[in-house]
Amino acid sequence: MSMMSEFKGFAMRGNVVDMAVGIVIGAAFGKIVSSFVNDVLMPPIGMLMGGVDFSDLAFVLKAAGGEAAAVTLNYGMFIQTVLDFIIIAFAIFMVVKAMNNLKKKEEAAPAAPPKPSAEVELLTEIRDALKNR
């Protein structure tokens, strides 16, 4: 088998395609959450804290000198990224929880035992008839 045909077989399996779709949707969801945190959530929080812009919060470790830029520790951006993570982690938790609940419902409903074959039913009737003699 050539390498291209092996790769095609690998890439077209259902799991790989499902994973690729999940990655694309996850990336889009991450951008939506980042926009939500940066553009919707953080401005009111900053306003409540006295007009603070979290993206500008930083500690200056070394001031700018000559052509060298200042070295800063941007903790405001870190706070925004942590909020992104918390929201995404909570959304994933809710999805996994819903899937686990569905799986539990499927497991809780036991499957009906299979109906015995005609031969087994006939032998059972014969056995019962012999017992009653």
N, C-alpha and C. Protein backbone atom coordinates (compact mmCIF):
# COMPACT_ATOMS: atom_id res chain seq x y z
N MET A 1 0.86 -1.17 0.00
CA MET A 1 0.00 0.00 0.00
C MET A 1 0.90 1.24 0.00
N SER A 2 0.60 2.19 -0.85
CA SER A 2 1.43 3.39 -0.92
C SER A 2 1.14 4.30 0.27
N MET A 3 2.06 5.21 0.51
CA MET A 3 1.91 6.12 1.64
C MET A 3 0.68 7.00 1.47
N MET A 4 0.39 7.45 0.25
CA MET A 4 -0.79 8.30 0.02
C MET A 4 -2.08 7.55 0.32
N SER A 5 -2.16 6.29 -0.10
CA SER A 5 -3.39 5.54 0.17
C SER A 5 -3.54 5.26 1.66
N GLU A 6 -2.42 5.01 2.36
CA GLU A 6 -2.49 4.83 3.81
C GLU A 6 -2.96 6.11 4.49
N PHE A 7 -2.41 7.25 4.05
CA PHE A 7 -2.81 8.53 4.63
C PHE A 7 -4.28 8.80 4.37
N LYS A 8 -4.74 8.52 3.14
CA LYS A 8 -6.15 8.73 2.80
C LYS A 8 -7.04 7.87 3.69
N GLY A 9 -6.65 6.61 3.90
CA GLY A 9 -7.42 5.72 4.78
C GLY A 9 -7.47 6.23 6.21
N PHE A 10 -6.33 6.78 6.67
CA PHE A 10 -6.28 7.33 8.03
C PHE A 10 -7.14 8.59 8.15
N ALA A 11 -7.01 9.49 7.17
CA ALA A 11 -7.68 10.79 7.24
C ALA A 11 -9.19 10.66 7.08
N MET A 12 -9.64 9.64 6.40
CA MET A 12 -11.07 9.52 6.13
C MET A 12 -11.81 8.67 7.16
N ARG A 13 -11.11 8.17 8.17
CA ARG A 13 -11.81 7.45 9.22
C ARG A 13 -12.72 8.42 9.96
N GLY A 14 -13.80 7.94 10.49
CA GLY A 14 -14.77 8.81 11.15
C GLY A 14 -14.20 9.58 12.31
N ASN A 15 -13.36 8.95 13.12
CA ASN A 15 -12.82 9.61 14.31
C ASN A 15 -11.98 10.82 13.95
N VAL A 16 -11.17 10.72 12.91
CA VAL A 16 -10.30 11.82 12.53
C VAL A 16 -11.12 12.99 12.01
N VAL A 17 -12.13 12.71 11.21
CA VAL A 17 -12.98 13.77 10.67
C VAL A 17 -13.76 14.44 11.81
N ASP A 18 -14.28 13.64 12.73
CA ASP A 18 -14.99 14.20 13.89
C ASP A 18 -14.07 15.08 14.72
N MET A 19 -12.83 14.63 14.92
CA MET A 19 -11.88 15.41 15.69
C MET A 19 -11.56 16.73 14.98
N ALA A 20 -11.41 16.70 13.67
CA ALA A 20 -11.10 17.91 12.92
C ALA A 20 -12.25 18.92 13.03
N VAL A 21 -13.47 18.43 12.93
CA VAL A 21 -14.64 19.31 13.08
C VAL A 21 -14.66 19.91 14.49
N GLY A 22 -14.37 19.10 15.49
CA GLY A 22 -14.34 19.59 16.86
C GLY A 22 -13.28 20.66 17.08
N ILE A 23 -12.12 20.48 16.46
CA ILE A 23 -11.05 21.47 16.60
C ILE A 23 -11.44 22.79 15.96
N VAL A 24 -12.04 22.73 14.77
CA VAL A 24 -12.46 23.96 14.09
C VAL A 24 -13.53 24.68 14.90
N ILE A 25 -14.51 23.94 15.38
CA ILE A 25 -15.58 24.55 16.18
C ILE A 25 -15.00 25.10 17.50
N GLY A 26 -14.08 24.35 18.10
CA GLY A 26 -13.45 24.81 19.34
C GLY A 26 -12.67 26.10 19.15
N ALA A 27 -11.95 26.20 18.04
CA ALA A 27 -11.19 27.43 17.76
C ALA A 27 -12.14 28.62 17.59
N ALA A 28 -13.23 28.40 16.87
CA ALA A 28 -14.21 29.48 16.68
C ALA A 28 -14.84 29.85 18.02
N PHE A 29 -15.15 28.86 18.84
CA PHE A 29 -15.74 29.13 20.15
C PHE A 29 -14.76 29.90 21.02
N GLY A 30 -13.47 29.55 20.94
CA GLY A 30 -12.46 30.27 21.71
C GLY A 30 -12.39 31.74 21.32
N LYS A 31 -12.52 32.03 20.02
CA LYS A 31 -12.50 33.43 19.57
C LYS A 31 -13.74 34.18 20.08
N ILE A 32 -14.86 33.50 20.07
CA ILE A 32 -16.09 34.13 20.55
C ILE A 32 -15.97 34.44 22.04
N VAL A 33 -15.44 33.50 22.82
CA VAL A 33 -15.29 33.72 24.25
C VAL A 33 -14.28 34.84 24.51
N SER A 34 -13.17 34.86 23.75
CA SER A 34 -12.19 35.95 23.93
C SER A 34 -12.81 37.30 23.65
N SER A 35 -13.60 37.38 22.59
CA SER A 35 -14.27 38.64 22.28
C SER A 35 -15.26 39.01 23.38
N PHE A 36 -15.99 38.02 23.89
CA PHE A 36 -16.94 38.27 24.96
C PHE A 36 -16.23 38.83 26.19
N VAL A 37 -15.12 38.20 26.57
CA VAL A 37 -14.39 38.65 27.76
C VAL A 37 -13.80 40.04 27.53
N ASN A 38 -13.10 40.23 26.38
CA ASN A 38 -12.40 41.49 26.13
C ASN A 38 -13.35 42.66 25.86
N ASP A 39 -14.44 42.41 25.13
CA ASP A 39 -15.29 43.50 24.66
C ASP A 39 -16.58 43.69 25.44
N VAL A 40 -17.03 42.65 26.15
CA VAL A 40 -18.32 42.74 26.85
C VAL A 40 -18.15 42.65 28.36
N LEU A 41 -17.35 41.72 28.82
CA LEU A 41 -17.27 41.46 30.25
C LEU A 41 -16.29 42.39 30.98
N MET A 42 -15.10 42.58 30.43
CA MET A 42 -14.07 43.35 31.13
C MET A 42 -14.34 44.86 31.19
N PRO A 43 -14.91 45.50 30.18
CA PRO A 43 -15.17 46.95 30.33
C PRO A 43 -16.07 47.31 31.52
N PRO A 44 -17.20 46.60 31.75
CA PRO A 44 -17.98 46.95 32.94
C PRO A 44 -17.25 46.65 34.25
N ILE A 45 -16.48 45.55 34.27
CA ILE A 45 -15.71 45.24 35.48
C ILE A 45 -14.68 46.34 35.72
N GLY A 46 -14.01 46.77 34.65
CA GLY A 46 -13.04 47.86 34.77
C GLY A 46 -13.69 49.15 35.23
N MET A 47 -14.91 49.42 34.71
CA MET A 47 -15.63 50.63 35.10
C MET A 47 -16.00 50.58 36.59
N LEU A 48 -16.43 49.41 37.06
CA LEU A 48 -16.78 49.26 38.47
C LEU A 48 -15.55 49.42 39.36
N MET A 49 -14.38 49.13 38.84
CA MET A 49 -13.14 49.24 39.62
C MET A 49 -12.48 50.60 39.45
N GLY A 50 -13.22 51.57 38.96
CA GLY A 50 -12.70 52.92 38.86
C GLY A 50 -12.09 53.25 37.51
N GLY A 51 -12.63 52.71 36.45
CA GLY A 51 -12.17 53.05 35.11
C GLY A 51 -10.88 52.35 34.71
N VAL A 52 -10.63 51.16 35.24
CA VAL A 52 -9.42 50.42 34.93
C VAL A 52 -9.57 49.70 33.60
N ASP A 53 -8.55 49.81 32.73
CA ASP A 53 -8.51 49.03 31.49
C ASP A 53 -7.56 47.87 31.75
N PHE A 54 -8.12 46.65 31.82
CA PHE A 54 -7.32 45.50 32.20
C PHE A 54 -6.21 45.21 31.20
N SER A 55 -6.41 45.54 29.93
CA SER A 55 -5.37 45.26 28.95
C SER A 55 -4.14 46.14 29.15
N ASP A 56 -4.28 47.24 29.90
CA ASP A 56 -3.16 48.13 30.17
C ASP A 56 -2.47 47.85 31.51
N LEU A 57 -3.02 46.95 32.31
CA LEU A 57 -2.43 46.67 33.62
C LEU A 57 -1.13 45.89 33.45
N ALA A 58 -0.05 46.44 33.98
CA ALA A 58 1.25 45.79 33.85
C ALA A 58 2.21 46.34 34.90
N PHE A 59 3.16 45.52 35.27
CA PHE A 59 4.28 45.95 36.11
C PHE A 59 5.46 46.21 35.18
N VAL A 60 6.09 47.34 35.36
CA VAL A 60 7.27 47.64 34.55
C VAL A 60 8.47 47.05 35.27
N LEU A 61 9.10 46.07 34.62
CA LEU A 61 10.27 45.43 35.20
C LEU A 61 11.54 46.20 34.87
N LYS A 62 11.57 46.76 33.66
CA LYS A 62 12.72 47.56 33.24
C LYS A 62 12.20 48.65 32.33
N ALA A 63 12.47 49.88 32.67
CA ALA A 63 11.98 51.01 31.89
C ALA A 63 12.65 51.04 30.52
N ALA A 64 11.96 51.67 29.59
CA ALA A 64 12.51 51.80 28.24
C ALA A 64 13.75 52.67 28.30
N GLY A 65 14.74 52.27 27.53
CA GLY A 65 15.97 53.05 27.50
C GLY A 65 16.55 53.06 26.10
N GLY A 66 16.69 54.22 25.53
CA GLY A 66 17.23 54.32 24.17
C GLY A 66 16.30 53.66 23.17
N GLU A 67 16.83 52.68 22.42
CA GLU A 67 16.00 51.97 21.43
C GLU A 67 15.32 50.75 22.03
N ALA A 68 15.70 50.34 23.23
CA ALA A 68 15.12 49.16 23.86
C ALA A 68 13.75 49.50 24.44
N ALA A 69 12.80 48.62 24.16
CA ALA A 69 11.45 48.79 24.69
C ALA A 69 11.43 48.40 26.16
N ALA A 70 10.42 48.88 26.86
CA ALA A 70 10.27 48.56 28.28
C ALA A 70 9.92 47.08 28.43
N VAL A 71 10.41 46.50 29.50
CA VAL A 71 10.08 45.11 29.83
C VAL A 71 8.97 45.15 30.86
N THR A 72 7.81 44.57 30.50
CA THR A 72 6.66 44.64 31.39
C THR A 72 6.10 43.26 31.67
N LEU A 73 5.46 43.14 32.79
CA LEU A 73 4.73 41.94 33.17
C LEU A 73 3.25 42.28 33.05
N ASN A 74 2.60 41.81 31.99
CA ASN A 74 1.23 42.20 31.66
C ASN A 74 0.21 41.32 32.40
N TYR A 75 -0.04 41.63 33.65
CA TYR A 75 -0.96 40.81 34.43
C TYR A 75 -2.42 41.07 34.07
N GLY A 76 -2.75 42.20 33.50
CA GLY A 76 -4.13 42.47 33.07
C GLY A 76 -4.54 41.54 31.93
N MET A 77 -3.64 41.33 30.98
CA MET A 77 -3.93 40.40 29.88
C MET A 77 -4.03 38.98 30.41
N PHE A 78 -3.22 38.66 31.43
CA PHE A 78 -3.28 37.34 32.04
C PHE A 78 -4.64 37.12 32.70
N ILE A 79 -5.17 38.13 33.38
CA ILE A 79 -6.48 38.02 34.01
C ILE A 79 -7.55 37.77 32.96
N GLN A 80 -7.47 38.46 31.83
CA GLN A 80 -8.44 38.24 30.75
C GLN A 80 -8.33 36.83 30.19
N THR A 81 -7.11 36.34 30.04
CA THR A 81 -6.92 34.98 29.52
C THR A 81 -7.44 33.94 30.50
N VAL A 82 -7.24 34.17 31.79
CA VAL A 82 -7.78 33.25 32.81
C VAL A 82 -9.30 33.22 32.74
N LEU A 83 -9.94 34.38 32.57
CA LEU A 83 -11.40 34.40 32.43
C LEU A 83 -11.84 33.66 31.18
N ASP A 84 -11.10 33.82 30.06
CA ASP A 84 -11.39 33.04 28.85
C ASP A 84 -11.38 31.55 29.17
N PHE A 85 -10.32 31.12 29.85
CA PHE A 85 -10.18 29.70 30.18
C PHE A 85 -11.32 29.21 31.06
N ILE A 86 -11.67 29.99 32.07
CA ILE A 86 -12.74 29.56 32.98
C ILE A 86 -14.06 29.40 32.24
N ILE A 87 -14.37 30.33 31.36
CA ILE A 87 -15.63 30.24 30.60
C ILE A 87 -15.61 29.03 29.67
N ILE A 88 -14.50 28.82 28.96
CA ILE A 88 -14.42 27.68 28.04
C ILE A 88 -14.46 26.37 28.83
N ALA A 89 -13.74 26.30 29.95
CA ALA A 89 -13.73 25.08 30.76
C ALA A 89 -15.13 24.78 31.29
N PHE A 90 -15.86 25.81 31.71
CA PHE A 90 -17.23 25.60 32.19
C PHE A 90 -18.14 25.10 31.07
N ALA A 91 -17.99 25.68 29.88
CA ALA A 91 -18.81 25.23 28.75
C ALA A 91 -18.51 23.77 28.40
N ILE A 92 -17.25 23.40 28.40
CA ILE A 92 -16.89 22.01 28.12
C ILE A 92 -17.42 21.09 29.22
N PHE A 93 -17.32 21.53 30.47
CA PHE A 93 -17.86 20.75 31.58
C PHE A 93 -19.35 20.48 31.40
N MET A 94 -20.09 21.52 31.00
CA MET A 94 -21.54 21.35 30.81
C MET A 94 -21.83 20.37 29.68
N VAL A 95 -21.07 20.42 28.59
CA VAL A 95 -21.28 19.50 27.48
C VAL A 95 -20.98 18.06 27.91
N VAL A 96 -19.86 17.86 28.60
CA VAL A 96 -19.49 16.52 29.06
C VAL A 96 -20.51 16.00 30.06
N LYS A 97 -20.99 16.88 30.95
CA LYS A 97 -22.00 16.46 31.93
C LYS A 97 -23.28 16.02 31.23
N ALA A 98 -23.71 16.77 30.21
CA ALA A 98 -24.91 16.40 29.48
C ALA A 98 -24.72 15.06 28.76
N MET A 99 -23.55 14.85 28.18
CA MET A 99 -23.28 13.58 27.50
C MET A 99 -23.26 12.43 28.49
N ASN A 100 -22.68 12.63 29.67
CA ASN A 100 -22.67 11.58 30.69
C ASN A 100 -24.07 11.25 31.16
N ASN A 101 -24.92 12.27 31.31
CA ASN A 101 -26.31 12.01 31.71
C ASN A 101 -27.04 11.20 30.66
N LEU A 102 -26.81 11.50 29.39
CA LEU A 102 -27.44 10.72 28.32
C LEU A 102 -26.94 9.28 28.35
N LYS A 103 -25.65 9.11 28.59
CA LYS A 103 -25.08 7.76 28.63
C LYS A 103 -25.64 6.97 29.80
N LYS A 104 -25.83 7.64 30.96
CA LYS A 104 -26.39 6.96 32.14
C LYS A 104 -27.82 6.51 31.87
N LYS A 105 -28.60 7.35 31.16
CA LYS A 105 -29.98 6.98 30.85
C LYS A 105 -30.01 5.76 29.94
N GLU A 106 -29.07 5.69 28.98
CA GLU A 106 -29.02 4.53 28.10
C GLU A 106 -28.64 3.28 28.87
N GLU A 107 -27.69 3.41 29.82
CA GLU A 107 -27.26 2.26 30.60
C GLU A 107 -28.33 1.85 31.61
N ALA A 108 -29.11 2.81 32.12
CA ALA A 108 -30.11 2.51 33.13
C ALA A 108 -31.26 1.68 32.57
N ALA A 109 -31.59 1.88 31.32
CA ALA A 109 -32.67 1.12 30.70
C ALA A 109 -32.09 -0.22 30.21
N PRO A 110 -32.30 -1.29 30.98
CA PRO A 110 -31.73 -2.57 30.56
C PRO A 110 -32.44 -3.09 29.32
N ALA A 111 -31.69 -3.73 28.50
CA ALA A 111 -32.27 -4.29 27.29
C ALA A 111 -33.11 -5.51 27.66
N ALA A 112 -34.22 -5.68 26.96
CA ALA A 112 -35.08 -6.83 27.21
C ALA A 112 -34.33 -8.10 26.86
N PRO A 113 -34.49 -9.14 27.69
CA PRO A 113 -33.78 -10.37 27.36
C PRO A 113 -34.29 -10.92 26.03
N PRO A 114 -33.42 -11.53 25.28
CA PRO A 114 -33.85 -12.04 23.97
C PRO A 114 -34.86 -13.16 24.13
N LYS A 115 -35.81 -13.20 23.21
CA LYS A 115 -36.85 -14.22 23.24
C LYS A 115 -36.21 -15.57 22.91
N PRO A 116 -36.54 -16.59 23.67
CA PRO A 116 -35.95 -17.91 23.40
C PRO A 116 -36.38 -18.40 22.01
N SER A 117 -35.52 -19.22 21.42
CA SER A 117 -35.82 -19.75 20.09
C SER A 117 -36.97 -20.74 20.17
N ALA A 118 -37.49 -21.09 19.03
CA ALA A 118 -38.63 -22.01 18.98
C ALA A 118 -38.26 -23.37 19.56
N GLU A 119 -37.02 -23.82 19.32
CA GLU A 119 -36.59 -25.12 19.85
C GLU A 119 -36.57 -25.10 21.37
N VAL A 120 -36.07 -24.00 21.94
CA VAL A 120 -35.99 -23.89 23.39
C VAL A 120 -37.40 -23.86 23.99
N GLU A 121 -38.33 -23.15 23.35
CA GLU A 121 -39.71 -23.11 23.86
C GLU A 121 -40.34 -24.50 23.80
N LEU A 122 -40.09 -25.23 22.71
CA LEU A 122 -40.65 -26.57 22.57
C LEU A 122 -40.07 -27.51 23.63
N LEU A 123 -38.78 -27.44 23.86
CA LEU A 123 -38.15 -28.28 24.88
C LEU A 123 -38.66 -27.92 26.27
N THR A 124 -38.91 -26.64 26.52
CA THR A 124 -39.46 -26.22 27.82
C THR A 124 -40.86 -26.79 28.01
N GLU A 125 -41.67 -26.77 26.97
CA GLU A 125 -43.02 -27.34 27.06
C GLU A 125 -42.96 -28.84 27.32
N ILE A 126 -42.05 -29.53 26.65
CA ILE A 126 -41.91 -30.98 26.86
C ILE A 126 -41.47 -31.26 28.28
N ARG A 127 -40.52 -30.49 28.79
CA ARG A 127 -40.04 -30.67 30.16
C ARG A 127 -41.19 -30.46 31.15
N ASP A 128 -41.96 -29.41 30.94
CA ASP A 128 -43.08 -29.11 31.85
C ASP A 128 -44.14 -30.23 31.78
N ALA A 129 -44.38 -30.75 30.58
CA ALA A 129 -45.36 -31.82 30.42
C ALA A 129 -44.88 -33.08 31.14
N LEU A 130 -43.60 -33.40 31.07
CA LEU A 130 -43.05 -34.57 31.76
C LEU A 130 -43.12 -34.40 33.27
N LYS A 131 -42.91 -33.18 33.76
CA LYS A 131 -42.99 -32.93 35.20
C LYS A 131 -44.41 -33.14 35.72
N ASN A 132 -45.38 -32.75 34.93
CA ASN A 132 -46.77 -32.83 35.35
C ASN A 132 -47.34 -34.23 35.27
N ARG A 133 -46.68 -35.19 34.67
CA ARG A 133 -47.17 -36.56 34.58
C ARG A 133 -47.15 -37.26 35.87
